[in-house]
Amino acid sequence: MMTRKITPPILVDQAEIFKLLSHPCRLAILYTLRSGEECVCHMEATLGYRQAYLSQQLAVLREAGIIQDRRDGWNIFYRVIRTDIYPILDAVNALVGSPADAPQGRVTAATCPCPKCTSSREQA
């Protein structure tokens, strides 16, 4: 007769966090949001992913309670509400020998066409 082991719920919860972080696009989103709130069009411009693909990954992070969104006219802005996720990312960066802010986008704020970046350039 085989005995069946029961996995403690805390281990299931921990595994869910690791699954959440196991996608490169979701990691890129979290790195982008580390400096504060950003709109989808900014992430699209800086990360190089299509808007629909970003929206799918943002939905996963939102449903997990890691990020929150807010609408401002046509734009949807996202921010991290569980900042305790960042020490986990920092630990992973230490394991792979990368600085905490290593992932870089293709477009900088100086050339990003999103409303937030455009507005800050006009004010400067």
PDB file of N, CA and C in Angstrom:
ATOM      1  N   MET A   1       0.839  -1.182   0.000  1.00  0.00           N
ATOM      2  CA  MET A   1       0.000   0.000   0.000  1.00  0.00           C
ATOM      3  C   MET A   1       0.888   1.251   0.000  1.00  0.00           C
ATOM      4  N   MET A   2       0.587   2.165  -0.903  1.00  0.00           N
ATOM      5  CA  MET A   2       1.357   3.386  -1.043  1.00  0.00           C
ATOM      6  C   MET A   2       0.792   4.475  -0.136  1.00  0.00           C
ATOM      7  N   THR A   3       1.680   5.186   0.540  1.00  0.00           N
ATOM      8  CA  THR A   3       1.213   6.319   1.321  1.00  0.00           C
ATOM      9  C   THR A   3       1.326   7.574   0.461  1.00  0.00           C
ATOM     10  N   ARG A   4       0.364   8.401   0.610  1.00  0.00           N
ATOM     11  CA  ARG A   4       0.318   9.635  -0.174  1.00  0.00           C
ATOM     12  C   ARG A   4       0.745  10.794   0.709  1.00  0.00           C
ATOM     13  N   LYS A   5       1.702  11.569   0.233  1.00  0.00           N
ATOM     14  CA  LYS A   5       2.160  12.728   0.999  1.00  0.00           C
ATOM     15  C   LYS A   5       1.294  13.934   0.664  1.00  0.00           C
ATOM     16  N   ILE A   6       0.994  14.685   1.663  1.00  0.00           N
ATOM     17  CA  ILE A   6       0.217  15.911   1.490  1.00  0.00           C
ATOM     18  C   ILE A   6       1.185  17.089   1.523  1.00  0.00           C
ATOM     19  N   THR A   7       1.133  17.897   0.496  1.00  0.00           N
ATOM     20  CA  THR A   7       1.989  19.078   0.434  1.00  0.00           C
ATOM     21  C   THR A   7       1.396  20.166   1.314  1.00  0.00           C
ATOM     22  N   PRO A   8       2.196  20.708   2.233  1.00  0.00           N
ATOM     23  CA  PRO A   8       1.694  21.792   3.084  1.00  0.00           C
ATOM     24  C   PRO A   8       1.266  22.997   2.235  1.00  0.00           C
ATOM     25  N   PRO A   9       0.161  23.638   2.573  1.00  0.00           N
ATOM     26  CA  PRO A   9      -0.334  24.784   1.798  1.00  0.00           C
ATOM     27  C   PRO A   9       0.693  25.894   1.606  1.00  0.00           C
ATOM     28  N   ILE A  10       1.550  26.110   2.597  1.00  0.00           N
ATOM     29  CA  ILE A  10       2.546  27.184   2.465  1.00  0.00           C
ATOM     30  C   ILE A  10       3.500  26.901   1.306  1.00  0.00           C
ATOM     31  N   LEU A  11       3.827  25.620   1.088  1.00  0.00           N
ATOM     32  CA  LEU A  11       4.707  25.264  -0.025  1.00  0.00           C
ATOM     33  C   LEU A  11       4.002  25.459  -1.366  1.00  0.00           C
ATOM     34  N   VAL A  12       2.719  25.216  -1.398  1.00  0.00           N
ATOM     35  CA  VAL A  12       1.934  25.456  -2.617  1.00  0.00           C
ATOM     36  C   VAL A  12       1.917  26.952  -2.918  1.00  0.00           C
ATOM     37  N   ASP A  13       1.710  27.776  -1.897  1.00  0.00           N
ATOM     38  CA  ASP A  13       1.709  29.233  -2.079  1.00  0.00           C
ATOM     39  C   ASP A  13       3.072  29.721  -2.573  1.00  0.00           C
ATOM     40  N   GLN A  14       4.142  29.187  -1.998  1.00  0.00           N
ATOM     41  CA  GLN A  14       5.485  29.586  -2.416  1.00  0.00           C
ATOM     42  C   GLN A  14       5.743  29.188  -3.866  1.00  0.00           C
ATOM     43  N   ALA A  15       5.318  28.006  -4.243  1.00  0.00           N
ATOM     44  CA  ALA A  15       5.502  27.545  -5.622  1.00  0.00           C
ATOM     45  C   ALA A  15       4.749  28.444  -6.600  1.00  0.00           C
ATOM     46  N   GLU A  16       3.592  28.942  -6.204  1.00  0.00           N
ATOM     47  CA  GLU A  16       2.820  29.847  -7.061  1.00  0.00           C
ATOM     48  C   GLU A  16       3.581  31.140  -7.335  1.00  0.00           C
ATOM     49  N   ILE A  17       4.274  31.657  -6.327  1.00  0.00           N
ATOM     50  CA  ILE A  17       5.077  32.868  -6.524  1.00  0.00           C
ATOM     51  C   ILE A  17       6.195  32.595  -7.525  1.00  0.00           C
ATOM     52  N   PHE A  18       6.864  31.447  -7.381  1.00  0.00           N
ATOM     53  CA  PHE A  18       7.933  31.114  -8.322  1.00  0.00           C
ATOM     54  C   PHE A  18       7.394  30.913  -9.734  1.00  0.00           C
ATOM     55  N   LYS A  19       6.206  30.340  -9.856  1.00  0.00           N
ATOM     56  CA  LYS A  19       5.600  30.196 -11.194  1.00  0.00           C
ATOM     57  C   LYS A  19       5.302  31.572 -11.787  1.00  0.00           C
ATOM     58  N   LEU A  20       4.801  32.465 -10.943  1.00  0.00           N
ATOM     59  CA  LEU A  20       4.496  33.823 -11.383  1.00  0.00           C
ATOM     60  C   LEU A  20       5.747  34.521 -11.914  1.00  0.00           C
ATOM     61  N   LEU A  21       6.875  34.288 -11.264  1.00  0.00           N
ATOM     62  CA  LEU A  21       8.127  34.938 -11.638  1.00  0.00           C
ATOM     63  C   LEU A  21       8.910  34.184 -12.701  1.00  0.00           C
ATOM     64  N   SER A  22       8.354  33.095 -13.204  1.00  0.00           N
ATOM     65  CA  SER A  22       9.101  32.272 -14.153  1.00  0.00           C
ATOM     66  C   SER A  22       8.928  32.703 -15.609  1.00  0.00           C
ATOM     67  N   HIS A  23       8.360  33.861 -15.833  1.00  0.00           N
ATOM     68  CA  HIS A  23       8.135  34.333 -17.199  1.00  0.00           C
ATOM     69  C   HIS A  23       8.954  35.603 -17.453  1.00  0.00           C
ATOM     70  N   PRO A  24       9.801  35.615 -18.487  1.00  0.00           N
ATOM     71  CA  PRO A  24      10.662  36.778 -18.752  1.00  0.00           C
ATOM     72  C   PRO A  24       9.898  38.092 -18.931  1.00  0.00           C
ATOM     73  N   CYS A  25       8.743  38.061 -19.573  1.00  0.00           N
ATOM     74  CA  CYS A  25       7.977  39.299 -19.778  1.00  0.00           C
ATOM     75  C   CYS A  25       7.476  39.846 -18.446  1.00  0.00           C
ATOM     76  N   ARG A  26       7.002  38.970 -17.580  1.00  0.00           N
ATOM     77  CA  ARG A  26       6.521  39.439 -16.275  1.00  0.00           C
ATOM     78  C   ARG A  26       7.668  40.020 -15.454  1.00  0.00           C
ATOM     79  N   LEU A  27       8.849  39.416 -15.550  1.00  0.00           N
ATOM     80  CA  LEU A  27      10.017  39.976 -14.862  1.00  0.00           C
ATOM     81  C   LEU A  27      10.353  41.351 -15.428  1.00  0.00           C
ATOM     82  N   ALA A  28      10.326  41.489 -16.751  1.00  0.00           N
ATOM     83  CA  ALA A  28      10.616  42.775 -17.383  1.00  0.00           C
ATOM     84  C   ALA A  28       9.623  43.844 -16.928  1.00  0.00           C
ATOM     85  N   ILE A  29       8.357  43.468 -16.813  1.00  0.00           N
ATOM     86  CA  ILE A  29       7.335  44.401 -16.335  1.00  0.00           C
ATOM     87  C   ILE A  29       7.655  44.850 -14.921  1.00  0.00           C
ATOM     88  N   LEU A  30       7.993  43.906 -14.055  1.00  0.00           N
ATOM     89  CA  LEU A  30       8.300  44.249 -12.661  1.00  0.00           C
ATOM     90  C   LEU A  30       9.519  45.166 -12.569  1.00  0.00           C
ATOM     91  N   TYR A  31      10.532  44.927 -13.399  1.00  0.00           N
ATOM     92  CA  TYR A  31      11.697  45.810 -13.403  1.00  0.00           C
ATOM     93  C   TYR A  31      11.302  47.209 -13.876  1.00  0.00           C
ATOM     94  N   THR A  32      10.443  47.289 -14.877  1.00  0.00           N
ATOM     95  CA  THR A  32       9.994  48.589 -15.378  1.00  0.00           C
ATOM     96  C   THR A  32       9.212  49.346 -14.314  1.00  0.00           C
ATOM     97  N   LEU A  33       8.378  48.626 -13.567  1.00  0.00           N
ATOM     98  CA  LEU A  33       7.542  49.273 -12.553  1.00  0.00           C
ATOM     99  C   LEU A  33       8.283  49.553 -11.253  1.00  0.00           C
ATOM    100  N   ARG A  34       9.508  49.092 -11.154  1.00  0.00           N
ATOM    101  CA  ARG A  34      10.286  49.315  -9.933  1.00  0.00           C
ATOM    102  C   ARG A  34      10.490  50.803  -9.672  1.00  0.00           C
ATOM    103  N   SER A  35      10.619  51.591 -10.729  1.00  0.00           N
ATOM    104  CA  SER A  35      10.841  53.026 -10.550  1.00  0.00           C
ATOM    105  C   SER A  35       9.544  53.811 -10.389  1.00  0.00           C
ATOM    106  N   GLY A  36       8.393  53.135 -10.451  1.00  0.00           N
ATOM    107  CA  GLY A  36       7.118  53.810 -10.251  1.00  0.00           C
ATOM    108  C   GLY A  36       6.094  53.430 -11.299  1.00  0.00           C
ATOM    109  N   GLU A  37       4.981  54.101 -11.237  1.00  0.00           N
ATOM    110  CA  GLU A  37       3.842  53.828 -12.115  1.00  0.00           C
ATOM    111  C   GLU A  37       4.190  54.088 -13.582  1.00  0.00           C
ATOM    112  N   GLU A  38       3.719  53.191 -14.456  1.00  0.00           N
ATOM    113  CA  GLU A  38       3.922  53.357 -15.893  1.00  0.00           C
ATOM    114  C   GLU A  38       2.674  52.921 -16.646  1.00  0.00           C
ATOM    115  N   CYS A  39       2.489  53.495 -17.838  1.00  0.00           N
ATOM    116  CA  CYS A  39       1.367  53.101 -18.685  1.00  0.00           C
ATOM    117  C   CYS A  39       1.788  51.962 -19.602  1.00  0.00           C
ATOM    118  N   VAL A  40       0.809  51.279 -20.163  1.00  0.00           N
ATOM    119  CA  VAL A  40       1.077  50.156 -21.053  1.00  0.00           C
ATOM    120  C   VAL A  40       1.864  50.622 -22.272  1.00  0.00           C
ATOM    121  N   CYS A  41       1.545  51.801 -22.806  1.00  0.00           N
ATOM    122  CA  CYS A  41       2.257  52.261 -24.004  1.00  0.00           C
ATOM    123  C   CYS A  41       3.732  52.522 -23.701  1.00  0.00           C
ATOM    124  N   HIS A  42       4.064  52.930 -22.484  1.00  0.00           N
ATOM    125  CA  HIS A  42       5.474  53.095 -22.099  1.00  0.00           C
ATOM    126  C   HIS A  42       6.166  51.735 -22.071  1.00  0.00           C
ATOM    127  N   MET A  43       5.505  50.742 -21.477  1.00  0.00           N
ATOM    128  CA  MET A  43       6.094  49.403 -21.423  1.00  0.00           C
ATOM    129  C   MET A  43       6.251  48.822 -22.822  1.00  0.00           C
ATOM    130  N   GLU A  44       5.275  49.085 -23.673  1.00  0.00           N
ATOM    131  CA  GLU A  44       5.346  48.605 -25.059  1.00  0.00           C
ATOM    132  C   GLU A  44       6.561  49.210 -25.767  1.00  0.00           C
ATOM    133  N   ALA A  45       6.759  50.506 -25.585  1.00  0.00           N
ATOM    134  CA  ALA A  45       7.875  51.195 -26.247  1.00  0.00           C
ATOM    135  C   ALA A  45       9.220  50.770 -25.666  1.00  0.00           C
ATOM    136  N   THR A  46       9.309  50.662 -24.358  1.00  0.00           N
ATOM    137  CA  THR A  46      10.606  50.383 -23.749  1.00  0.00           C
ATOM    138  C   THR A  46      10.975  48.904 -23.745  1.00  0.00           C
ATOM    139  N   LEU A  47       9.990  48.021 -23.658  1.00  0.00           N
ATOM    140  CA  LEU A  47      10.287  46.587 -23.576  1.00  0.00           C
ATOM    141  C   LEU A  47      10.240  45.887 -24.931  1.00  0.00           C
ATOM    142  N   GLY A  48       9.510  46.473 -25.881  1.00  0.00           N
ATOM    143  CA  GLY A  48       9.453  45.892 -27.209  1.00  0.00           C
ATOM    144  C   GLY A  48       8.423  44.783 -27.381  1.00  0.00           C
ATOM    145  N   TYR A  49       7.571  44.573 -26.389  1.00  0.00           N
ATOM    146  CA  TYR A  49       6.495  43.586 -26.522  1.00  0.00           C
ATOM    147  C   TYR A  49       5.250  44.263 -27.080  1.00  0.00           C
ATOM    148  N   ARG A  50       4.428  43.506 -27.799  1.00  0.00           N
ATOM    149  CA  ARG A  50       3.150  44.036 -28.304  1.00  0.00           C
ATOM    150  C   ARG A  50       2.205  44.318 -27.140  1.00  0.00           C
ATOM    151  N   GLN A  51       1.314  45.268 -27.339  1.00  0.00           N
ATOM    152  CA  GLN A  51       0.373  45.685 -26.294  1.00  0.00           C
ATOM    153  C   GLN A  51      -0.492  44.520 -25.826  1.00  0.00           C
ATOM    154  N   ALA A  52      -0.990  43.713 -26.741  1.00  0.00           N
ATOM    155  CA  ALA A  52      -1.870  42.597 -26.362  1.00  0.00           C
ATOM    156  C   ALA A  52      -1.127  41.586 -25.491  1.00  0.00           C
ATOM    157  N   TYR A  53       0.124  41.318 -25.829  1.00  0.00           N
ATOM    158  CA  TYR A  53       0.932  40.380 -25.058  1.00  0.00           C
ATOM    159  C   TYR A  53       1.217  40.934 -23.664  1.00  0.00           C
ATOM    160  N   LEU A  54       1.568  42.220 -23.601  1.00  0.00           N
ATOM    161  CA  LEU A  54       1.786  42.870 -22.301  1.00  0.00           C
ATOM    162  C   LEU A  54       0.529  42.809 -21.449  1.00  0.00           C
ATOM    163  N   SER A  55      -0.609  43.066 -22.066  1.00  0.00           N
ATOM    164  CA  SER A  55      -1.874  43.050 -21.324  1.00  0.00           C
ATOM    165  C   SER A  55      -2.150  41.683 -20.704  1.00  0.00           C
ATOM    166  N   GLN A  56      -1.814  40.621 -21.429  1.00  0.00           N
ATOM    167  CA  GLN A  56      -1.993  39.269 -20.879  1.00  0.00           C
ATOM    168  C   GLN A  56      -1.121  39.072 -19.647  1.00  0.00           C
ATOM    169  N   GLN A  57       0.128  39.490 -19.733  1.00  0.00           N
ATOM    170  CA  GLN A  57       1.048  39.302 -18.621  1.00  0.00           C
ATOM    171  C   GLN A  57       0.706  40.228 -17.448  1.00  0.00           C
ATOM    172  N   LEU A  58       0.259  41.432 -17.756  1.00  0.00           N
ATOM    173  CA  LEU A  58      -0.185  42.351 -16.706  1.00  0.00           C
ATOM    174  C   LEU A  58      -1.394  41.783 -15.965  1.00  0.00           C
ATOM    175  N   ALA A  59      -2.288  41.121 -16.693  1.00  0.00           N
ATOM    176  CA  ALA A  59      -3.462  40.511 -16.073  1.00  0.00           C
ATOM    177  C   ALA A  59      -3.044  39.422 -15.083  1.00  0.00           C
ATOM    178  N   VAL A  60      -2.046  38.644 -15.435  1.00  0.00           N
ATOM    179  CA  VAL A  60      -1.554  37.596 -14.529  1.00  0.00           C
ATOM    180  C   VAL A  60      -1.016  38.231 -13.245  1.00  0.00           C
ATOM    181  N   LEU A  61      -0.210  39.279 -13.383  1.00  0.00           N
ATOM    182  CA  LEU A  61       0.349  39.960 -12.209  1.00  0.00           C
ATOM    183  C   LEU A  61      -0.735  40.636 -11.378  1.00  0.00           C
ATOM    184  N   ARG A  62      -1.733  41.201 -12.051  1.00  0.00           N
ATOM    185  CA  ARG A  62      -2.838  41.859 -11.346  1.00  0.00           C
ATOM    186  C   ARG A  62      -3.674  40.845 -10.578  1.00  0.00           C
ATOM    187  N   GLU A  63      -3.997  39.716 -11.221  1.00  0.00           N
ATOM    188  CA  GLU A  63      -4.790  38.678 -10.561  1.00  0.00           C
ATOM    189  C   GLU A  63      -4.061  38.073  -9.368  1.00  0.00           C
ATOM    190  N   ALA A  64      -2.738  38.078  -9.410  1.00  0.00           N
ATOM    191  CA  ALA A  64      -1.936  37.561  -8.300  1.00  0.00           C
ATOM    192  C   ALA A  64      -1.822  38.573  -7.163  1.00  0.00           C
ATOM    193  N   GLY A  65      -2.314  39.792  -7.393  1.00  0.00           N
ATOM    194  CA  GLY A  65      -2.263  40.820  -6.353  1.00  0.00           C
ATOM    195  C   GLY A  65      -0.917  41.508  -6.230  1.00  0.00           C
ATOM    196  N   ILE A  66      -0.083  41.407  -7.272  1.00  0.00           N
ATOM    197  CA  ILE A  66       1.241  42.023  -7.248  1.00  0.00           C
ATOM    198  C   ILE A  66       1.181  43.466  -7.737  1.00  0.00           C
ATOM    199  N   ILE A  67       0.348  43.722  -8.743  1.00  0.00           N
ATOM    200  CA  ILE A  67       0.229  45.070  -9.307  1.00  0.00           C
ATOM    201  C   ILE A  67      -1.221  45.527  -9.256  1.00  0.00           C
ATOM    202  N   GLN A  68      -1.396  46.804  -9.469  1.00  0.00           N
ATOM    203  CA  GLN A  68      -2.735  47.406  -9.504  1.00  0.00           C
ATOM    204  C   GLN A  68      -2.769  48.373 -10.682  1.00  0.00           C
ATOM    205  N   ASP A  69      -3.948  48.522 -11.270  1.00  0.00           N
ATOM    206  CA  ASP A  69      -4.061  49.437 -12.398  1.00  0.00           C
ATOM    207  C   ASP A  69      -4.966  50.608 -12.057  1.00  0.00           C
ATOM    208  N   ARG A  70      -4.804  51.659 -12.866  1.00  0.00           N
ATOM    209  CA  ARG A  70      -5.652  52.844 -12.738  1.00  0.00           C
ATOM    210  C   ARG A  70      -5.799  53.427 -14.127  1.00  0.00           C
ATOM    211  N   ARG A  71      -7.029  53.835 -14.443  1.00  0.00           N
ATOM    212  CA  ARG A  71      -7.318  54.404 -15.758  1.00  0.00           C
ATOM    213  C   ARG A  71      -7.280  55.925 -15.668  1.00  0.00           C
ATOM    214  N   ASP A  72      -6.649  56.529 -16.679  1.00  0.00           N
ATOM    215  CA  ASP A  72      -6.615  57.985 -16.806  1.00  0.00           C
ATOM    216  C   ASP A  72      -6.890  58.288 -18.273  1.00  0.00           C
ATOM    217  N   GLY A  73      -8.151  58.545 -18.595  1.00  0.00           N
ATOM    218  CA  GLY A  73      -8.547  58.744 -19.985  1.00  0.00           C
ATOM    219  C   GLY A  73      -8.383  57.456 -20.766  1.00  0.00           C
ATOM    220  N   TRP A  74      -7.632  57.508 -21.865  1.00  0.00           N
ATOM    221  CA  TRP A  74      -7.404  56.328 -22.692  1.00  0.00           C
ATOM    222  C   TRP A  74      -6.289  55.445 -22.141  1.00  0.00           C
ATOM    223  N   ASN A  75      -5.515  55.969 -21.206  1.00  0.00           N
ATOM    224  CA  ASN A  75      -4.338  55.249 -20.717  1.00  0.00           C
ATOM    225  C   ASN A  75      -4.641  54.482 -19.431  1.00  0.00           C
ATOM    226  N   ILE A  76      -4.020  53.324 -19.326  1.00  0.00           N
ATOM    227  CA  ILE A  76      -4.082  52.536 -18.104  1.00  0.00           C
ATOM    228  C   ILE A  76      -2.680  52.505 -17.526  1.00  0.00           C
ATOM    229  N   PHE A  77      -2.572  52.898 -16.274  1.00  0.00           N
ATOM    230  CA  PHE A  77      -1.295  52.941 -15.578  1.00  0.00           C
ATOM    231  C   PHE A  77      -1.237  51.795 -14.575  1.00  0.00           C
ATOM    232  N   TYR A  78      -0.052  51.223 -14.428  1.00  0.00           N
ATOM    233  CA  TYR A  78       0.151  50.113 -13.502  1.00  0.00           C
ATOM    234  C   TYR A  78       1.223  50.478 -12.495  1.00  0.00           C
ATOM    235  N   ARG A  79       1.060  49.924 -11.291  1.00  0.00           N
ATOM    236  CA  ARG A  79       2.066  50.102 -10.248  1.00  0.00           C
ATOM    237  C   ARG A  79       2.118  48.841  -9.402  1.00  0.00           C
ATOM    238  N   VAL A  80       3.259  48.611  -8.802  1.00  0.00           N
ATOM    239  CA  VAL A  80       3.439  47.447  -7.933  1.00  0.00           C
ATOM    240  C   VAL A  80       2.875  47.790  -6.562  1.00  0.00           C
ATOM    241  N   ILE A  81       2.001  46.928  -6.051  1.00  0.00           N
ATOM    242  CA  ILE A  81       1.465  47.138  -4.706  1.00  0.00           C
ATOM    243  C   ILE A  81       2.083  46.172  -3.692  1.00  0.00           C
ATOM    244  N   ARG A  82       2.770  45.157  -4.198  1.00  0.00           N
ATOM    245  CA  ARG A  82       3.483  44.214  -3.321  1.00  0.00           C
ATOM    246  C   ARG A  82       4.978  44.389  -3.555  1.00  0.00           C
ATOM    247  N   THR A  83       5.520  45.470  -3.000  1.00  0.00           N
ATOM    248  CA  THR A  83       6.938  45.766  -3.217  1.00  0.00           C
ATOM    249  C   THR A  83       7.851  44.737  -2.556  1.00  0.00           C
ATOM    250  N   ASP A  84       7.286  43.879  -1.716  1.00  0.00           N
ATOM    251  CA  ASP A  84       8.098  42.825  -1.110  1.00  0.00           C
ATOM    252  C   ASP A  84       8.528  41.778  -2.138  1.00  0.00           C
ATOM    253  N   ILE A  85       8.098  41.922  -3.379  1.00  0.00           N
ATOM    254  CA  ILE A  85       8.539  41.040  -4.460  1.00  0.00           C
ATOM    255  C   ILE A  85       9.976  41.383  -4.871  1.00  0.00           C
ATOM    256  N   TYR A  86      10.385  42.632  -4.666  1.00  0.00           N
ATOM    257  CA  TYR A  86      11.699  43.068  -5.130  1.00  0.00           C
ATOM    258  C   TYR A  86      12.886  42.423  -4.410  1.00  0.00           C
ATOM    259  N   PRO A  87      12.831  42.158  -3.123  1.00  0.00           N
ATOM    260  CA  PRO A  87      13.945  41.417  -2.509  1.00  0.00           C
ATOM    261  C   PRO A  87      14.131  40.022  -3.118  1.00  0.00           C
ATOM    262  N   ILE A  88      13.048  39.417  -3.588  1.00  0.00           N
ATOM    263  CA  ILE A  88      13.156  38.118  -4.257  1.00  0.00           C
ATOM    264  C   ILE A  88      13.914  38.290  -5.571  1.00  0.00           C
ATOM    265  N   LEU A  89      13.543  39.323  -6.343  1.00  0.00           N
ATOM    266  CA  LEU A  89      14.240  39.587  -7.605  1.00  0.00           C
ATOM    267  C   LEU A  89      15.704  39.944  -7.371  1.00  0.00           C
ATOM    268  N   ASP A  90      15.970  40.687  -6.303  1.00  0.00           N
ATOM    269  CA  ASP A  90      17.352  41.045  -5.974  1.00  0.00           C
ATOM    270  C   ASP A  90      18.163  39.794  -5.633  1.00  0.00           C
ATOM    271  N   ALA A  91      17.547  38.857  -4.909  1.00  0.00           N
ATOM    272  CA  ALA A  91      18.239  37.613  -4.563  1.00  0.00           C
ATOM    273  C   ALA A  91      18.557  36.802  -5.819  1.00  0.00           C
ATOM    274  N   VAL A  92      17.624  36.757  -6.749  1.00  0.00           N
ATOM    275  CA  VAL A  92      17.864  36.036  -8.003  1.00  0.00           C
ATOM    276  C   VAL A  92      18.981  36.718  -8.789  1.00  0.00           C
ATOM    277  N   ASN A  93      18.976  38.047  -8.824  1.00  0.00           N
ATOM    278  CA  ASN A  93      20.044  38.779  -9.513  1.00  0.00           C
ATOM    279  C   ASN A  93      21.399  38.475  -8.893  1.00  0.00           C
ATOM    280  N   ALA A  94      21.447  38.373  -7.569  1.00  0.00           N
ATOM    281  CA  ALA A  94      22.700  38.032  -6.902  1.00  0.00           C
ATOM    282  C   ALA A  94      23.155  36.626  -7.297  1.00  0.00           C
ATOM    283  N   LEU A  95      22.211  35.707  -7.433  1.00  0.00           N
ATOM    284  CA  LEU A  95      22.556  34.343  -7.836  1.00  0.00           C
ATOM    285  C   LEU A  95      23.133  34.272  -9.245  1.00  0.00           C
ATOM    286  N   VAL A  96      22.613  35.097 -10.145  1.00  0.00           N
ATOM    287  CA  VAL A  96      23.084  35.062 -11.530  1.00  0.00           C
ATOM    288  C   VAL A  96      24.154  36.120 -11.817  1.00  0.00           C
ATOM    289  N   GLY A  97      24.504  36.907 -10.811  1.00  0.00           N
ATOM    290  CA  GLY A  97      25.569  37.888 -10.959  1.00  0.00           C
ATOM    291  C   GLY A  97      25.196  39.129 -11.731  1.00  0.00           C
ATOM    292  N   SER A  98      23.945  39.566 -11.621  1.00  0.00           N
ATOM    293  CA  SER A  98      23.488  40.779 -12.309  1.00  0.00           C
ATOM    294  C   SER A  98      23.115  41.847 -11.288  1.00  0.00           C
ATOM    295  N   PRO A  99      23.316  43.126 -11.629  1.00  0.00           N
ATOM    296  CA  PRO A  99      22.842  44.190 -10.744  1.00  0.00           C
ATOM    297  C   PRO A  99      21.316  44.221 -10.723  1.00  0.00           C
ATOM    298  N   ALA A 100      20.751  44.802  -9.690  1.00  0.00           N
ATOM    299  CA  ALA A 100      19.301  44.811  -9.503  1.00  0.00           C
ATOM    300  C   ALA A 100      18.553  45.448 -10.666  1.00  0.00           C
ATOM    301  N   ASP A 101      19.156  46.436 -11.305  1.00  0.00           N
ATOM    302  CA  ASP A 101      18.461  47.134 -12.391  1.00  0.00           C
ATOM    303  C   ASP A 101      18.996  46.742 -13.764  1.00  0.00           C
ATOM    304  N   ALA A 102      19.587  45.551 -13.870  1.00  0.00           N
ATOM    305  CA  ALA A 102      20.241  45.127 -15.107  1.00  0.00           C
ATOM    306  C   ALA A 102      19.349  45.143 -16.343  1.00  0.00           C
ATOM    307  N   PRO A 103      18.135  44.588 -16.305  1.00  0.00           N
ATOM    308  CA  PRO A 103      17.336  44.576 -17.543  1.00  0.00           C
ATOM    309  C   PRO A 103      17.046  46.000 -18.019  1.00  0.00           C
ATOM    310  N   GLN A 104      17.352  46.243 -19.272  1.00  0.00           N
ATOM    311  CA  GLN A 104      17.140  47.566 -19.849  1.00  0.00           C
ATOM    312  C   GLN A 104      16.217  47.457 -21.048  1.00  0.00           C
ATOM    313  N   GLY A 105      15.376  48.457 -21.224  1.00  0.00           N
ATOM    314  CA  GLY A 105      14.480  48.497 -22.364  1.00  0.00           C
ATOM    315  C   GLY A 105      15.194  48.985 -23.614  1.00  0.00           C
ATOM    316  N   ARG A 106      14.485  48.928 -24.732  1.00  0.00           N
ATOM    317  CA  ARG A 106      15.046  49.351 -26.016  1.00  0.00           C
ATOM    318  C   ARG A 106      14.968  50.858 -26.201  1.00  0.00           C
ATOM    319  N   VAL A 107      13.997  51.484 -25.571  1.00  0.00           N
ATOM    320  CA  VAL A 107      13.758  52.923 -25.734  1.00  0.00           C
ATOM    321  C   VAL A 107      13.917  53.576 -24.368  1.00  0.00           C
ATOM    322  N   THR A 108      14.527  54.732 -24.322  1.00  0.00           N
ATOM    323  CA  THR A 108      14.683  55.443 -23.056  1.00  0.00           C
ATOM    324  C   THR A 108      13.533  56.440 -22.883  1.00  0.00           C
ATOM    325  N   ALA A 109      13.414  56.968 -21.678  1.00  0.00           N
ATOM    326  CA  ALA A 109      12.375  57.964 -21.420  1.00  0.00           C
ATOM    327  C   ALA A 109      12.557  59.190 -22.307  1.00  0.00           C
ATOM    328  N   ALA A 110      13.783  59.454 -22.735  1.00  0.00           N
ATOM    329  CA  ALA A 110      14.042  60.613 -23.597  1.00  0.00           C
ATOM    330  C   ALA A 110      13.420  60.456 -24.978  1.00  0.00           C
ATOM    331  N   THR A 111      13.185  59.222 -25.410  1.00  0.00           N
ATOM    332  CA  THR A 111      12.619  59.003 -26.745  1.00  0.00           C
ATOM    333  C   THR A 111      11.284  58.269 -26.718  1.00  0.00           C
ATOM    334  N   CYS A 112      10.800  57.886 -25.548  1.00  0.00           N
ATOM    335  CA  CYS A 112       9.541  57.151 -25.432  1.00  0.00           C
ATOM    336  C   CYS A 112       8.368  58.042 -25.854  1.00  0.00           C
ATOM    337  N   PRO A 113       7.471  57.520 -26.699  1.00  0.00           N
ATOM    338  CA  PRO A 113       6.343  58.327 -27.176  1.00  0.00           C
ATOM    339  C   PRO A 113       5.133  58.349 -26.239  1.00  0.00           C
ATOM    340  N   CYS A 114       5.210  57.706 -25.067  1.00  0.00           N
ATOM    341  CA  CYS A 114       4.034  57.645 -24.191  1.00  0.00           C
ATOM    342  C   CYS A 114       3.722  59.033 -23.609  1.00  0.00           C
ATOM    343  N   PRO A 115       2.481  59.257 -23.194  1.00  0.00           N
ATOM    344  CA  PRO A 115       2.080  60.579 -22.684  1.00  0.00           C
ATOM    345  C   PRO A 115       2.890  61.043 -21.469  1.00  0.00           C
ATOM    346  N   LYS A 116       3.227  60.137 -20.578  1.00  0.00           N
ATOM    347  CA  LYS A 116       3.985  60.506 -19.376  1.00  0.00           C
ATOM    348  C   LYS A 116       5.380  61.021 -19.747  1.00  0.00           C
ATOM    349  N   CYS A 117       6.075  60.294 -20.616  1.00  0.00           N
ATOM    350  CA  CYS A 117       7.423  60.697 -21.025  1.00  0.00           C
ATOM    351  C   CYS A 117       7.376  61.975 -21.860  1.00  0.00           C
ATOM    352  N   THR A 118       6.416  62.070 -22.752  1.00  0.00           N
ATOM    353  CA  THR A 118       6.282  63.266 -23.590  1.00  0.00           C
ATOM    354  C   THR A 118       6.030  64.494 -22.723  1.00  0.00           C
ATOM    355  N   SER A 119       5.144  64.348 -21.724  1.00  0.00           N
ATOM    356  CA  SER A 119       4.820  65.454 -20.829  1.00  0.00           C
ATOM    357  C   SER A 119       6.040  65.898 -20.037  1.00  0.00           C
ATOM    358  N   SER A 120       6.816  64.935 -19.526  1.00  0.00           N
ATOM    359  CA  SER A 120       7.992  65.315 -18.724  1.00  0.00           C
ATOM    360  C   SER A 120       9.065  65.960 -19.600  1.00  0.00           C
ATOM    361  N   ARG A 121       9.179  65.584 -20.860  1.00  0.00           N
ATOM    362  CA  ARG A 121      10.133  66.224 -21.773  1.00  0.00           C
ATOM    363  C   ARG A 121       9.696  67.652 -22.078  1.00  0.00           C
ATOM    364  N   GLU A 122       8.400  67.860 -22.232  1.00  0.00           N
ATOM    365  CA  GLU A 122       7.887  69.203 -22.539  1.00  0.00           C
ATOM    366  C   GLU A 122       8.058  70.139 -21.366  1.00  0.00           C
ATOM    367  N   GLN A 123       7.978  69.598 -20.131  1.00  0.00           N
ATOM    368  CA  GLN A 123       8.140  70.438 -18.944  1.00  0.00           C
ATOM    369  C   GLN A 123       9.603  70.800 -18.696  1.00  0.00           C
ATOM    370  N   ALA A 124      10.512  70.007 -19.239  1.00  0.00           N
ATOM    371  CA  ALA A 124      11.946  70.243 -18.995  1.00  0.00           C
ATOM    372  C   ALA A 124      12.504  71.390 -19.802  1.00  0.00           C
TER     373      ALA A 124
END
